[in-house]
């Protein structure tokens, strides 16, 4: 994953894992809590869509760590 910061610098991250979590009981501290190294966590909607309530029932979480060049 490549991200360009407001400073114009490019930062590169390598994916460590991708997980699907039920949105109602996702382990929030594990997902957004502190990490041992500089990391990037991406969270988006995933899984089945609940048309009655207009929401996705899962969240897709991608965790990556920064790679130095």
N, C-alpha and C. Protein backbone atom coordinates (compact mmCIF):
# COMPACT_ATOMS: atom_id res chain seq x y z
N UNK A 1 0.86 -1.16 0.00
CA UNK A 1 0.00 0.00 0.00
C UNK A 1 0.91 1.22 0.00
N UNK A 2 0.64 2.16 -0.90
CA UNK A 2 1.43 3.38 -0.96
C UNK A 2 0.54 4.57 -0.62
N UNK A 3 1.02 5.40 0.29
CA UNK A 3 0.27 6.57 0.74
C UNK A 3 1.15 7.79 0.54
N UNK A 4 0.57 8.87 0.02
CA UNK A 4 1.30 10.13 -0.10
C UNK A 4 0.77 11.07 0.98
N UNK A 5 1.68 11.54 1.83
CA UNK A 5 1.31 12.43 2.91
C UNK A 5 1.13 13.86 2.45
N UNK A 6 0.58 14.69 3.32
CA UNK A 6 0.42 16.12 3.02
C UNK A 6 1.76 16.77 2.72
N UNK A 7 2.84 16.18 3.26
CA UNK A 7 4.18 16.72 3.05
C UNK A 7 4.76 16.34 1.69
N UNK A 8 3.99 15.57 0.89
CA UNK A 8 4.45 15.15 -0.42
C UNK A 8 5.29 13.89 -0.41
N UNK A 9 5.64 13.42 0.78
CA UNK A 9 6.44 12.19 0.91
C UNK A 9 5.56 10.97 0.65
N UNK A 10 6.18 9.92 0.11
CA UNK A 10 5.48 8.68 -0.14
C UNK A 10 5.87 7.66 0.92
N UNK A 11 4.89 6.98 1.49
CA UNK A 11 5.10 5.99 2.53
C UNK A 11 4.55 4.66 2.03
N UNK A 12 5.33 3.60 2.21
CA UNK A 12 4.94 2.28 1.71
C UNK A 12 4.69 1.34 2.89
N UNK A 13 3.59 0.58 2.78
CA UNK A 13 3.19 -0.38 3.81
C UNK A 13 3.00 -1.75 3.18
N UNK A 14 3.37 -2.79 3.91
CA UNK A 14 3.19 -4.17 3.47
C UNK A 14 2.06 -4.81 4.27
N UNK A 15 1.13 -5.45 3.59
CA UNK A 15 -0.04 -6.05 4.25
C UNK A 15 0.39 -7.24 5.10
N UNK A 16 -0.06 -7.25 6.36
CA UNK A 16 0.19 -8.36 7.28
C UNK A 16 -0.98 -9.34 7.30
N UNK A 17 -2.19 -8.79 7.32
CA UNK A 17 -3.37 -9.65 7.34
C UNK A 17 -4.62 -8.89 6.90
N UNK A 18 -5.62 -9.68 6.47
CA UNK A 18 -6.94 -9.17 6.10
C UNK A 18 -7.95 -10.04 6.83
N UNK A 19 -8.87 -9.42 7.56
CA UNK A 19 -9.87 -10.16 8.33
C UNK A 19 -11.25 -9.56 8.11
N UNK A 20 -12.27 -10.41 8.21
CA UNK A 20 -13.66 -9.98 8.21
C UNK A 20 -14.17 -10.09 9.64
N UNK A 21 -14.82 -9.05 10.13
CA UNK A 21 -15.39 -9.05 11.48
C UNK A 21 -16.87 -8.72 11.40
N UNK A 22 -17.65 -9.37 12.26
CA UNK A 22 -19.06 -9.00 12.39
C UNK A 22 -19.09 -7.58 12.95
N UNK A 23 -19.83 -6.69 12.31
CA UNK A 23 -19.81 -5.29 12.74
C UNK A 23 -20.38 -5.11 14.14
N UNK A 24 -21.26 -5.98 14.56
CA UNK A 24 -21.88 -5.85 15.88
C UNK A 24 -20.95 -6.22 17.03
N UNK A 25 -19.94 -7.06 16.77
CA UNK A 25 -19.07 -7.47 17.88
C UNK A 25 -17.60 -7.58 17.47
N UNK A 26 -17.13 -6.63 16.71
CA UNK A 26 -15.72 -6.59 16.30
C UNK A 26 -14.85 -6.23 17.50
N UNK A 27 -13.65 -6.82 17.61
CA UNK A 27 -12.73 -6.50 18.72
C UNK A 27 -12.05 -5.14 18.48
N UNK A 28 -12.73 -4.08 18.81
CA UNK A 28 -12.30 -2.72 18.47
C UNK A 28 -10.88 -2.42 18.95
N UNK A 29 -10.52 -2.79 20.18
CA UNK A 29 -9.17 -2.48 20.68
C UNK A 29 -8.09 -3.18 19.87
N UNK A 30 -8.37 -4.40 19.40
CA UNK A 30 -7.40 -5.11 18.57
C UNK A 30 -7.26 -4.46 17.20
N UNK A 31 -8.34 -3.86 16.73
CA UNK A 31 -8.34 -3.27 15.40
C UNK A 31 -7.71 -1.88 15.41
N UNK A 32 -8.10 -1.03 16.34
CA UNK A 32 -7.62 0.36 16.33
C UNK A 32 -6.70 0.71 17.50
N UNK A 33 -6.39 -0.26 18.33
CA UNK A 33 -5.52 -0.01 19.48
C UNK A 33 -4.06 0.12 19.06
N UNK A 34 -3.18 0.37 20.02
CA UNK A 34 -1.76 0.55 19.74
C UNK A 34 -1.14 -0.70 19.12
N UNK A 35 -0.10 -0.48 18.31
CA UNK A 35 0.65 -1.57 17.70
C UNK A 35 2.12 -1.44 18.08
N UNK A 36 2.87 -2.52 17.91
CA UNK A 36 4.28 -2.49 18.28
C UNK A 36 5.14 -1.74 17.27
N UNK A 37 4.68 -1.62 16.04
CA UNK A 37 5.43 -0.91 15.00
C UNK A 37 4.48 0.04 14.28
N UNK A 38 5.06 0.94 13.50
CA UNK A 38 4.24 1.87 12.74
C UNK A 38 3.37 1.08 11.78
N UNK A 39 2.06 1.29 11.85
CA UNK A 39 1.17 0.49 11.03
C UNK A 39 0.06 1.35 10.44
N UNK A 40 -0.61 0.76 9.46
CA UNK A 40 -1.74 1.39 8.80
C UNK A 40 -2.87 0.39 8.85
N UNK A 41 -4.05 0.83 9.29
CA UNK A 41 -5.21 -0.05 9.36
C UNK A 41 -6.31 0.55 8.50
N UNK A 42 -6.78 -0.23 7.53
CA UNK A 42 -7.86 0.18 6.65
C UNK A 42 -9.11 -0.59 7.04
N UNK A 43 -10.23 0.12 7.17
CA UNK A 43 -11.49 -0.50 7.55
C UNK A 43 -12.55 -0.09 6.54
N UNK A 44 -13.28 -1.07 6.02
CA UNK A 44 -14.34 -0.78 5.06
C UNK A 44 -15.49 -1.75 5.27
N UNK A 45 -16.60 -1.48 4.62
CA UNK A 45 -17.75 -2.36 4.71
C UNK A 45 -17.48 -3.66 3.97
N UNK A 46 -18.10 -4.75 4.41
CA UNK A 46 -17.93 -6.02 3.75
C UNK A 46 -19.01 -6.99 4.16
N UNK A 47 -18.92 -8.18 3.61
CA UNK A 47 -19.87 -9.22 3.95
C UNK A 47 -21.25 -8.96 3.36
N UNK A 48 -22.25 -9.66 3.88
CA UNK A 48 -23.61 -9.52 3.36
C UNK A 48 -24.19 -8.14 3.64
N UNK A 49 -25.10 -7.71 2.77
CA UNK A 49 -25.77 -6.43 2.94
C UNK A 49 -27.17 -6.67 3.50
N UNK A 50 -27.52 -5.96 4.55
CA UNK A 50 -28.86 -6.04 5.16
C UNK A 50 -29.73 -4.97 4.50
N UNK A 51 -30.52 -5.37 3.52
CA UNK A 51 -31.34 -4.42 2.77
C UNK A 51 -32.41 -3.77 3.63
N UNK A 52 -32.90 -4.49 4.62
CA UNK A 52 -33.94 -3.94 5.49
C UNK A 52 -33.45 -2.74 6.29
N UNK A 53 -32.19 -2.84 6.78
CA UNK A 53 -31.62 -1.76 7.59
C UNK A 53 -30.63 -0.89 6.83
N UNK A 54 -30.27 -1.29 5.60
CA UNK A 54 -29.39 -0.47 4.77
C UNK A 54 -27.94 -0.45 5.23
N UNK A 55 -27.46 -1.57 5.80
CA UNK A 55 -26.08 -1.62 6.29
C UNK A 55 -25.43 -2.95 5.93
N UNK A 56 -24.08 -2.93 5.85
CA UNK A 56 -23.34 -4.18 5.72
C UNK A 56 -23.19 -4.80 7.10
N UNK A 57 -23.18 -6.11 7.16
CA UNK A 57 -23.14 -6.80 8.44
C UNK A 57 -21.72 -7.09 8.92
N UNK A 58 -20.74 -6.88 8.06
CA UNK A 58 -19.36 -7.12 8.45
C UNK A 58 -18.48 -5.94 8.07
N UNK A 59 -17.29 -5.95 8.63
CA UNK A 59 -16.27 -4.97 8.28
C UNK A 59 -15.03 -5.74 7.81
N UNK A 60 -14.45 -5.27 6.72
CA UNK A 60 -13.19 -5.84 6.25
C UNK A 60 -12.07 -4.96 6.79
N UNK A 61 -11.11 -5.58 7.48
CA UNK A 61 -10.01 -4.85 8.10
C UNK A 61 -8.69 -5.35 7.49
N UNK A 62 -7.87 -4.40 7.05
CA UNK A 62 -6.55 -4.71 6.48
C UNK A 62 -5.50 -4.05 7.37
N UNK A 63 -4.58 -4.86 7.91
CA UNK A 63 -3.50 -4.31 8.75
C UNK A 63 -2.19 -4.45 7.98
N UNK A 64 -1.41 -3.38 8.00
CA UNK A 64 -0.11 -3.39 7.31
C UNK A 64 0.92 -2.65 8.16
N UNK A 65 2.18 -2.96 7.90
CA UNK A 65 3.28 -2.28 8.62
C UNK A 65 4.11 -1.49 7.60
N UNK A 66 4.74 -0.43 8.10
CA UNK A 66 5.52 0.44 7.23
C UNK A 66 6.82 -0.23 6.81
N UNK A 67 7.11 -0.09 5.53
CA UNK A 67 8.33 -0.64 4.96
C UNK A 67 9.26 0.54 4.67
N UNK A 68 10.49 0.44 5.15
CA UNK A 68 11.46 1.52 4.88
C UNK A 68 12.24 1.16 3.63
N UNK A 69 12.55 2.19 2.83
CA UNK A 69 13.29 1.92 1.60
C UNK A 69 14.77 2.02 1.81
